[in-house]
Amino acid sequence: MEIVLRSHHHVILINLIILNFVKVTVHFYDAKGQVIADSSCCYTDPTNIDPGHTSTFDSFAVANEISGEPVSYRLSYDWNK
């Protein structure tokens, strides 16, 4: 398994409630703006984020799961209250 893209990011919580089990999905796009891969492997560390705090996450994409040349990405988040 070859990992092509790997990055390390921070999530900052600007909210009034604790978010539990925060999962980050990275959507990779080609030059035409088409989605070529989604990476939904990654939870923040720590997984629960208190109001005003930050949490980090690592993300990656595997070569055989990408259907083109990535030129940009977008992040989305899911969590439990």
N, C-alpha and C. Protein backbone atom coordinates (compact mmCIF):
# COMPACT_ATOMS: atom_id res chain seq x y z
N MET A 1 0.85 -1.17 0.00
CA MET A 1 0.00 0.00 0.00
C MET A 1 0.90 1.24 0.00
N GLU A 2 0.74 2.09 -0.99
CA GLU A 2 1.53 3.31 -1.09
C GLU A 2 0.69 4.49 -0.65
N ILE A 3 1.22 5.26 0.30
CA ILE A 3 0.53 6.47 0.74
C ILE A 3 1.07 7.63 -0.08
N VAL A 4 0.18 8.33 -0.78
CA VAL A 4 0.61 9.39 -1.66
C VAL A 4 0.57 10.75 -0.99
N LEU A 5 -0.49 11.03 -0.30
CA LEU A 5 -0.65 12.33 0.34
C LEU A 5 -0.80 12.12 1.83
N ARG A 6 -0.06 12.89 2.60
CA ARG A 6 -0.18 12.82 4.05
C ARG A 6 -0.01 14.23 4.58
N SER A 7 -0.85 14.61 5.53
CA SER A 7 -0.74 15.94 6.09
C SER A 7 -1.17 15.93 7.55
N HIS A 8 -0.77 16.94 8.26
CA HIS A 8 -1.07 17.09 9.68
C HIS A 8 -1.76 18.44 9.85
N HIS A 9 -2.93 18.44 10.49
CA HIS A 9 -3.73 19.66 10.62
C HIS A 9 -4.20 19.84 12.05
N HIS A 10 -4.74 21.03 12.32
CA HIS A 10 -5.34 21.35 13.60
C HIS A 10 -6.80 21.70 13.40
N VAL A 11 -7.63 21.32 14.34
CA VAL A 11 -9.03 21.72 14.36
C VAL A 11 -9.21 22.63 15.57
N ILE A 12 -9.80 23.80 15.37
CA ILE A 12 -10.07 24.72 16.47
C ILE A 12 -11.58 24.75 16.69
N LEU A 13 -12.01 24.50 17.90
CA LEU A 13 -13.43 24.47 18.21
C LEU A 13 -13.88 25.83 18.73
N ILE A 14 -14.72 26.49 17.94
CA ILE A 14 -15.35 27.73 18.36
C ILE A 14 -16.82 27.41 18.50
N ASN A 15 -17.20 26.97 19.69
CA ASN A 15 -18.55 26.49 19.92
C ASN A 15 -18.82 26.53 21.41
N LEU A 16 -20.03 26.28 21.82
CA LEU A 16 -20.37 26.30 23.24
C LEU A 16 -20.58 24.92 23.83
N ILE A 17 -20.43 23.88 23.01
CA ILE A 17 -20.62 22.52 23.48
C ILE A 17 -19.38 21.68 23.18
N ILE A 18 -19.23 20.59 23.90
CA ILE A 18 -18.15 19.65 23.64
C ILE A 18 -18.55 18.79 22.44
N LEU A 19 -17.63 18.61 21.52
CA LEU A 19 -17.85 17.71 20.39
C LEU A 19 -17.12 16.41 20.68
N ASN A 20 -17.83 15.29 20.56
CA ASN A 20 -17.27 13.98 20.87
C ASN A 20 -17.03 13.18 19.60
N PHE A 21 -15.95 12.44 19.60
CA PHE A 21 -15.58 11.57 18.49
C PHE A 21 -15.59 12.32 17.16
N VAL A 22 -14.77 13.35 17.08
CA VAL A 22 -14.70 14.19 15.88
C VAL A 22 -13.94 13.44 14.79
N LYS A 23 -14.63 13.20 13.68
CA LYS A 23 -14.05 12.49 12.53
C LYS A 23 -13.89 13.48 11.38
N VAL A 24 -12.71 13.49 10.78
CA VAL A 24 -12.40 14.41 9.69
C VAL A 24 -12.38 13.64 8.38
N THR A 25 -13.06 14.17 7.38
CA THR A 25 -13.01 13.60 6.03
C THR A 25 -12.33 14.61 5.12
N VAL A 26 -11.36 14.13 4.35
CA VAL A 26 -10.66 14.98 3.37
C VAL A 26 -11.19 14.61 2.00
N HIS A 27 -11.68 15.61 1.27
CA HIS A 27 -12.19 15.43 -0.09
C HIS A 27 -11.14 16.01 -1.04
N PHE A 28 -10.57 15.17 -1.91
CA PHE A 28 -9.54 15.60 -2.85
C PHE A 28 -10.17 15.91 -4.20
N TYR A 29 -9.72 16.99 -4.83
CA TYR A 29 -10.28 17.45 -6.11
C TYR A 29 -9.20 17.54 -7.18
N ASP A 30 -9.61 17.31 -8.43
CA ASP A 30 -8.68 17.49 -9.55
C ASP A 30 -8.81 18.93 -10.07
N ALA A 31 -8.11 19.23 -11.15
CA ALA A 31 -8.09 20.59 -11.72
C ALA A 31 -9.46 21.04 -12.22
N LYS A 32 -10.34 20.09 -12.54
CA LYS A 32 -11.68 20.43 -13.01
C LYS A 32 -12.68 20.60 -11.86
N GLY A 33 -12.21 20.41 -10.63
CA GLY A 33 -13.08 20.54 -9.48
C GLY A 33 -13.89 19.30 -9.17
N GLN A 34 -13.52 18.18 -9.77
CA GLN A 34 -14.21 16.91 -9.55
C GLN A 34 -13.56 16.17 -8.38
N VAL A 35 -14.38 15.54 -7.54
CA VAL A 35 -13.85 14.74 -6.43
C VAL A 35 -13.17 13.50 -7.01
N ILE A 36 -11.93 13.28 -6.60
CA ILE A 36 -11.19 12.11 -7.09
C ILE A 36 -10.87 11.13 -5.97
N ALA A 37 -11.09 11.54 -4.72
CA ALA A 37 -10.87 10.64 -3.59
C ALA A 37 -11.44 11.26 -2.32
N ASP A 38 -11.84 10.41 -1.41
CA ASP A 38 -12.26 10.82 -0.07
C ASP A 38 -11.48 9.98 0.92
N SER A 39 -11.00 10.61 1.94
CA SER A 39 -10.29 9.90 3.00
C SER A 39 -11.03 10.14 4.30
N SER A 40 -11.71 9.13 4.79
CA SER A 40 -12.49 9.30 6.02
C SER A 40 -11.95 8.42 7.14
N CYS A 41 -10.66 8.32 7.19
CA CYS A 41 -10.00 7.42 8.13
C CYS A 41 -9.76 8.03 9.49
N CYS A 42 -9.91 9.35 9.59
CA CYS A 42 -9.15 10.04 10.62
C CYS A 42 -10.00 10.70 11.69
N TYR A 43 -9.69 10.39 12.93
CA TYR A 43 -10.29 11.07 14.07
C TYR A 43 -9.28 12.04 14.65
N THR A 44 -9.79 13.09 15.28
CA THR A 44 -8.91 14.05 15.92
C THR A 44 -8.25 13.42 17.14
N ASP A 45 -7.16 14.03 17.59
CA ASP A 45 -6.46 13.56 18.78
C ASP A 45 -6.23 14.75 19.70
N PRO A 46 -6.98 14.85 20.79
CA PRO A 46 -7.94 13.88 21.31
C PRO A 46 -9.23 13.87 20.50
N THR A 47 -10.01 12.80 20.64
CA THR A 47 -11.23 12.66 19.85
C THR A 47 -12.33 13.59 20.31
N ASN A 48 -12.32 14.01 21.57
CA ASN A 48 -13.31 14.95 22.10
C ASN A 48 -12.67 16.33 22.21
N ILE A 49 -13.39 17.37 21.77
CA ILE A 49 -12.85 18.72 21.78
C ILE A 49 -13.74 19.61 22.64
N ASP A 50 -13.15 20.23 23.65
CA ASP A 50 -13.86 21.17 24.51
C ASP A 50 -13.94 22.54 23.82
N PRO A 51 -14.95 23.35 24.18
CA PRO A 51 -15.07 24.70 23.60
C PRO A 51 -13.78 25.50 23.80
N GLY A 52 -13.32 26.16 22.74
CA GLY A 52 -12.13 26.99 22.80
C GLY A 52 -10.82 26.23 22.71
N HIS A 53 -10.85 24.92 22.58
CA HIS A 53 -9.64 24.12 22.51
C HIS A 53 -9.35 23.67 21.08
N THR A 54 -8.16 23.15 20.88
CA THR A 54 -7.78 22.64 19.57
C THR A 54 -7.51 21.15 19.67
N SER A 55 -7.52 20.52 18.53
CA SER A 55 -7.20 19.11 18.41
C SER A 55 -6.52 18.91 17.07
N THR A 56 -5.64 17.93 16.98
CA THR A 56 -4.94 17.69 15.72
C THR A 56 -5.48 16.43 15.06
N PHE A 57 -5.17 16.29 13.77
CA PHE A 57 -5.47 15.05 13.07
C PHE A 57 -4.49 14.87 11.94
N ASP A 58 -4.23 13.64 11.61
CA ASP A 58 -3.41 13.28 10.45
C ASP A 58 -4.33 12.68 9.42
N SER A 59 -4.06 12.95 8.16
CA SER A 59 -4.86 12.37 7.09
C SER A 59 -3.94 11.81 6.02
N PHE A 60 -4.48 10.89 5.24
CA PHE A 60 -3.69 10.32 4.15
C PHE A 60 -4.61 9.78 3.08
N ALA A 61 -4.05 9.59 1.92
CA ALA A 61 -4.76 8.97 0.80
C ALA A 61 -3.85 7.90 0.21
N VAL A 62 -4.43 6.80 -0.17
CA VAL A 62 -3.68 5.68 -0.73
C VAL A 62 -3.73 5.78 -2.26
N ALA A 63 -2.60 5.52 -2.91
CA ALA A 63 -2.47 5.72 -4.36
C ALA A 63 -3.56 5.03 -5.16
N ASN A 64 -3.87 3.79 -4.84
CA ASN A 64 -4.84 3.06 -5.67
C ASN A 64 -6.29 3.48 -5.41
N GLU A 65 -6.51 4.43 -4.48
CA GLU A 65 -7.85 4.95 -4.21
C GLU A 65 -8.07 6.33 -4.79
N ILE A 66 -7.07 6.86 -5.51
CA ILE A 66 -7.17 8.19 -6.12
C ILE A 66 -7.33 8.02 -7.62
N SER A 67 -8.38 8.65 -8.16
CA SER A 67 -8.67 8.47 -9.59
C SER A 67 -8.27 9.68 -10.42
N GLY A 68 -7.15 10.30 -10.12
CA GLY A 68 -6.67 11.46 -10.88
C GLY A 68 -5.56 12.16 -10.12
N GLU A 69 -5.24 13.38 -10.55
CA GLU A 69 -4.18 14.18 -9.94
C GLU A 69 -4.80 15.19 -8.99
N PRO A 70 -4.58 15.06 -7.67
CA PRO A 70 -5.17 16.01 -6.73
C PRO A 70 -4.48 17.37 -6.81
N VAL A 71 -5.30 18.44 -6.87
CA VAL A 71 -4.75 19.80 -6.87
C VAL A 71 -5.29 20.63 -5.72
N SER A 72 -6.37 20.15 -5.08
CA SER A 72 -6.91 20.88 -3.92
C SER A 72 -7.68 19.89 -3.05
N TYR A 73 -8.06 20.37 -1.88
CA TYR A 73 -8.83 19.52 -0.98
C TYR A 73 -9.78 20.37 -0.15
N ARG A 74 -10.78 19.72 0.44
CA ARG A 74 -11.74 20.34 1.35
C ARG A 74 -11.92 19.41 2.53
N LEU A 75 -12.07 19.98 3.70
CA LEU A 75 -12.27 19.18 4.91
C LEU A 75 -13.72 19.26 5.36
N SER A 76 -14.24 18.15 5.83
CA SER A 76 -15.57 18.17 6.49
C SER A 76 -15.43 17.39 7.79
N TYR A 77 -16.35 17.66 8.70
CA TYR A 77 -16.26 17.11 10.05
C TYR A 77 -17.60 16.50 10.45
N ASP A 78 -17.53 15.39 11.17
CA ASP A 78 -18.70 14.77 11.78
C ASP A 78 -18.38 14.55 13.25
N TRP A 79 -19.41 14.62 14.09
CA TRP A 79 -19.19 14.43 15.52
C TRP A 79 -20.49 14.03 16.19
N ASN A 80 -20.35 13.64 17.46
CA ASN A 80 -21.50 13.35 18.32
C ASN A 80 -21.56 14.43 19.39
N LYS A 81 -22.76 14.74 19.84
CA LYS A 81 -22.91 15.72 20.94
C LYS A 81 -22.82 15.00 22.25
